[in-house]
């Protein structure tokens, strides 16, 4: 069911849990599906001994994809017209991610959303925006 202009007002929010306890397996599966085998995401020894991070971490695009799914769950498939994000913190194995879309404006059947995805500690790992077509 598509969103309607009459159902939206500035400040409305929609939230979803994107993932609970992100597994290393999910990160490696994303590496395989995306073709991005950067060792920071797949090689624990490289990541800790060479790069100096505490562990491998998720691809930013994995977090972007999960957040994008939240947006389309809210606005409906085939409605998204713009989507952009900024990665603000790493996402680690074991993280739980929650994402919120906040209505910033509704004009000419386009809803503009502010997006924020946070980890279990409340740290923002992604911020962004989306625009989508909505019905009268």
C-alpha atoms as a PDB file:
ATOM      1  CA  UNK A   1       0.000   0.000   0.000  1.00  0.00           C
ATOM      2  CA  UNK A   2       1.482   3.320  -1.077  1.00  0.00           C
ATOM      3  CA  UNK A   3       1.842   6.331   1.166  1.00  0.00           C
ATOM      4  CA  UNK A   4      -0.566   9.197   0.612  1.00  0.00           C
ATOM      5  CA  UNK A   5       0.084  12.921   0.952  1.00  0.00           C
ATOM      6  CA  UNK A   6      -2.878  13.188   3.340  1.00  0.00           C
ATOM      7  CA  UNK A   7      -1.252  10.648   5.683  1.00  0.00           C
ATOM      8  CA  UNK A   8       2.032  12.556   6.043  1.00  0.00           C
ATOM      9  CA  UNK A   9       3.095  15.552   8.052  1.00  0.00           C
ATOM     10  CA  UNK A  10       6.465  17.131   8.769  1.00  0.00           C
ATOM     11  CA  UNK A  11       8.093  15.421  11.735  1.00  0.00           C
ATOM     12  CA  UNK A  12       6.464  12.003  11.189  1.00  0.00           C
ATOM     13  CA  UNK A  13       8.896   9.138  11.672  1.00  0.00           C
ATOM     14  CA  UNK A  14       9.169   5.532  10.562  1.00  0.00           C
ATOM     15  CA  UNK A  15      11.700   3.180  12.200  1.00  0.00           C
ATOM     16  CA  UNK A  16      12.913  -0.374  11.715  1.00  0.00           C
ATOM     17  CA  UNK A  17      15.517  -2.660  13.197  1.00  0.00           C
ATOM     18  CA  UNK A  18      17.780  -3.467  10.235  1.00  0.00           C
ATOM     19  CA  UNK A  19      19.799  -6.222  11.849  1.00  0.00           C
ATOM     20  CA  UNK A  20      20.323  -7.677  15.305  1.00  0.00           C
ATOM     21  CA  UNK A  21      23.785  -9.015  16.102  1.00  0.00           C
ATOM     22  CA  UNK A  22      25.384  -8.582  12.660  1.00  0.00           C
ATOM     23  CA  UNK A  23      27.335 -11.743  11.880  1.00  0.00           C
ATOM     24  CA  UNK A  24      30.717 -11.965  10.180  1.00  0.00           C
ATOM     25  CA  UNK A  25      29.050 -14.422   7.826  1.00  0.00           C
ATOM     26  CA  UNK A  26      26.684 -11.660   6.651  1.00  0.00           C
ATOM     27  CA  UNK A  27      29.655  -9.383   5.974  1.00  0.00           C
ATOM     28  CA  UNK A  28      31.441 -12.107   3.983  1.00  0.00           C
ATOM     29  CA  UNK A  29      28.241 -12.923   2.081  1.00  0.00           C
ATOM     30  CA  UNK A  30      27.976  -9.243   1.132  1.00  0.00           C
ATOM     31  CA  UNK A  31      31.614  -9.295  -0.025  1.00  0.00           C
ATOM     32  CA  UNK A  32      30.750 -12.224  -2.298  1.00  0.00           C
ATOM     33  CA  UNK A  33      27.596 -10.684  -3.712  1.00  0.00           C
ATOM     34  CA  UNK A  34      29.196  -7.264  -4.269  1.00  0.00           C
ATOM     35  CA  UNK A  35      32.609  -8.497  -5.398  1.00  0.00           C
ATOM     36  CA  UNK A  36      34.241  -6.217  -2.805  1.00  0.00           C
ATOM     37  CA  UNK A  37      36.827  -8.401  -1.081  1.00  0.00           C
ATOM     38  CA  UNK A  38      38.728  -5.568   0.576  1.00  0.00           C
ATOM     39  CA  UNK A  39      40.630  -7.308   3.395  1.00  0.00           C
ATOM     40  CA  UNK A  40      39.313  -4.743   5.907  1.00  0.00           C
ATOM     41  CA  UNK A  41      35.978  -6.548   5.589  1.00  0.00           C
ATOM     42  CA  UNK A  42      37.126 -10.161   5.253  1.00  0.00           C
ATOM     43  CA  UNK A  43      40.598 -10.750   6.712  1.00  0.00           C
ATOM     44  CA  UNK A  44      40.818 -10.536  10.510  1.00  0.00           C
ATOM     45  CA  UNK A  45      44.620 -10.850  10.598  1.00  0.00           C
ATOM     46  CA  UNK A  46      45.158  -8.091   8.031  1.00  0.00           C
ATOM     47  CA  UNK A  47      42.602  -5.831   9.686  1.00  0.00           C
ATOM     48  CA  UNK A  48      44.015  -6.181  13.217  1.00  0.00           C
ATOM     49  CA  UNK A  49      47.754  -6.629  12.598  1.00  0.00           C
ATOM     50  CA  UNK A  50      48.338  -4.441   9.532  1.00  0.00           C
ATOM     51  CA  UNK A  51      45.525  -1.865   9.505  1.00  0.00           C
ATOM     52  CA  UNK A  52      45.230  -1.531  13.284  1.00  0.00           C
ATOM     53  CA  UNK A  53      41.470  -1.946  13.636  1.00  0.00           C
ATOM     54  CA  UNK A  54      39.978  -4.084  16.413  1.00  0.00           C
ATOM     55  CA  UNK A  55      38.188  -6.369  13.910  1.00  0.00           C
ATOM     56  CA  UNK A  56      36.861  -6.604  10.388  1.00  0.00           C
ATOM     57  CA  UNK A  57      33.952  -4.255   9.775  1.00  0.00           C
ATOM     58  CA  UNK A  58      30.967  -4.095   7.436  1.00  0.00           C
ATOM     59  CA  UNK A  59      31.034  -2.492   4.010  1.00  0.00           C
ATOM     60  CA  UNK A  60      29.432   0.932   4.015  1.00  0.00           C
ATOM     61  CA  UNK A  61      27.313  -0.178   1.087  1.00  0.00           C
ATOM     62  CA  UNK A  62      25.910  -3.053   3.177  1.00  0.00           C
ATOM     63  CA  UNK A  63      24.647  -0.512   5.717  1.00  0.00           C
ATOM     64  CA  UNK A  64      23.378   1.681   2.872  1.00  0.00           C
ATOM     65  CA  UNK A  65      21.532  -1.250   1.343  1.00  0.00           C
ATOM     66  CA  UNK A  66      19.877  -2.239   4.612  1.00  0.00           C
ATOM     67  CA  UNK A  67      18.853   1.379   5.214  1.00  0.00           C
ATOM     68  CA  UNK A  68      17.509   1.604   1.667  1.00  0.00           C
ATOM     69  CA  UNK A  69      15.348  -1.460   2.312  1.00  0.00           C
ATOM     70  CA  UNK A  70      13.867   0.345   5.333  1.00  0.00           C
ATOM     71  CA  UNK A  71      13.038   3.336   3.117  1.00  0.00           C
ATOM     72  CA  UNK A  72      11.305   1.240   0.457  1.00  0.00           C
ATOM     73  CA  UNK A  73       9.415  -0.661   3.169  1.00  0.00           C
ATOM     74  CA  UNK A  74       8.071   2.745   4.216  1.00  0.00           C
ATOM     75  CA  UNK A  75       7.412   4.465   0.876  1.00  0.00           C
ATOM     76  CA  UNK A  76       6.780   1.394  -1.291  1.00  0.00           C
ATOM     77  CA  UNK A  77       8.631  -0.292  -4.127  1.00  0.00           C
ATOM     78  CA  UNK A  78       9.296   1.780  -7.231  1.00  0.00           C
ATOM     79  CA  UNK A  79       8.641   5.101  -5.472  1.00  0.00           C
ATOM     80  CA  UNK A  80      12.150   6.207  -4.518  1.00  0.00           C
ATOM     81  CA  UNK A  81      13.464   9.068  -6.693  1.00  0.00           C
ATOM     82  CA  UNK A  82      16.599  10.126  -4.762  1.00  0.00           C
ATOM     83  CA  UNK A  83      18.748   8.452  -2.133  1.00  0.00           C
ATOM     84  CA  UNK A  84      22.075   9.532  -0.699  1.00  0.00           C
ATOM     85  CA  UNK A  85      24.023   8.784   2.459  1.00  0.00           C
ATOM     86  CA  UNK A  86      27.139   9.581   4.413  1.00  0.00           C
ATOM     87  CA  UNK A  87      28.938   6.906   6.431  1.00  0.00           C
ATOM     88  CA  UNK A  88      29.787   8.329   9.851  1.00  0.00           C
ATOM     89  CA  UNK A  89      31.060   5.317  11.851  1.00  0.00           C
ATOM     90  CA  UNK A  90      32.090   1.739  11.226  1.00  0.00           C
ATOM     91  CA  UNK A  91      29.641  -1.113  11.681  1.00  0.00           C
ATOM     92  CA  UNK A  92      31.188  -4.054  13.544  1.00  0.00           C
ATOM     93  CA  UNK A  93      30.272  -7.710  13.858  1.00  0.00           C
ATOM     94  CA  UNK A  94      27.783  -7.988  16.717  1.00  0.00           C
ATOM     95  CA  UNK A  95      26.209  -4.584  16.071  1.00  0.00           C
ATOM     96  CA  UNK A  96      22.471  -4.084  16.080  1.00  0.00           C
ATOM     97  CA  UNK A  97      21.310  -1.367  13.699  1.00  0.00           C
ATOM     98  CA  UNK A  98      18.121   0.667  13.888  1.00  0.00           C
ATOM     99  CA  UNK A  99      17.141   3.162  11.227  1.00  0.00           C
ATOM    100  CA  UNK A 100      14.677   6.059  11.209  1.00  0.00           C
ATOM    101  CA  UNK A 101      13.189   8.091   8.378  1.00  0.00           C
ATOM    102  CA  UNK A 102      11.827  11.512   9.358  1.00  0.00           C
ATOM    103  CA  UNK A 103       9.511  13.488   7.071  1.00  0.00           C
ATOM    104  CA  UNK A 104      11.122  16.858   6.298  1.00  0.00           C
ATOM    105  CA  UNK A 105       8.657  18.045   3.665  1.00  0.00           C
ATOM    106  CA  UNK A 106       5.852  16.959   1.366  1.00  0.00           C
ATOM    107  CA  UNK A 107       5.465  19.022  -1.816  1.00  0.00           C
ATOM    108  CA  UNK A 108       4.100  18.215  -5.266  1.00  0.00           C
ATOM    109  CA  UNK A 109       3.585  14.556  -4.322  1.00  0.00           C
ATOM    110  CA  UNK A 110       7.235  14.164  -3.249  1.00  0.00           C
ATOM    111  CA  UNK A 111       8.128  13.336   0.347  1.00  0.00           C
ATOM    112  CA  UNK A 112      11.637  14.296   1.461  1.00  0.00           C
ATOM    113  CA  UNK A 113      13.043  12.194   4.294  1.00  0.00           C
ATOM    114  CA  UNK A 114      16.005  12.611   6.618  1.00  0.00           C
ATOM    115  CA  UNK A 115      17.595   9.241   7.376  1.00  0.00           C
ATOM    116  CA  UNK A 116      19.625   8.101  10.340  1.00  0.00           C
ATOM    117  CA  UNK A 117      20.918   4.640  11.199  1.00  0.00           C
ATOM    118  CA  UNK A 118      22.310   4.057  14.682  1.00  0.00           C
ATOM    119  CA  UNK A 119      24.011   1.171  16.422  1.00  0.00           C
ATOM    120  CA  UNK A 120      23.047  -0.331  19.772  1.00  0.00           C
ATOM    121  CA  UNK A 121      25.094   2.329  21.587  1.00  0.00           C
ATOM    122  CA  UNK A 122      23.185   5.166  19.913  1.00  0.00           C
ATOM    123  CA  UNK A 123      26.104   6.134  17.677  1.00  0.00           C
ATOM    124  CA  UNK A 124      25.069   7.280  14.210  1.00  0.00           C
ATOM    125  CA  UNK A 125      26.682   5.039  11.597  1.00  0.00           C
ATOM    126  CA  UNK A 126      24.877   6.506   8.561  1.00  0.00           C
ATOM    127  CA  UNK A 127      23.026   9.728   7.840  1.00  0.00           C
ATOM    128  CA  UNK A 128      21.315  10.634   4.629  1.00  0.00           C
ATOM    129  CA  UNK A 129      18.249  11.643   2.684  1.00  0.00           C
ATOM    130  CA  UNK A 130      15.663  10.154   0.388  1.00  0.00           C
ATOM    131  CA  UNK A 131      12.885  11.459  -1.790  1.00  0.00           C
ATOM    132  CA  UNK A 132       9.921   9.427  -2.994  1.00  0.00           C
ATOM    133  CA  UNK A 133       6.726   9.843  -4.950  1.00  0.00           C
ATOM    134  CA  UNK A 134       3.519   9.677  -2.886  1.00  0.00           C
ATOM    135  CA  UNK A 135      -0.097   9.464  -3.983  1.00  0.00           C
ATOM    136  CA  UNK A 136      -2.742  12.173  -3.504  1.00  0.00           C
END
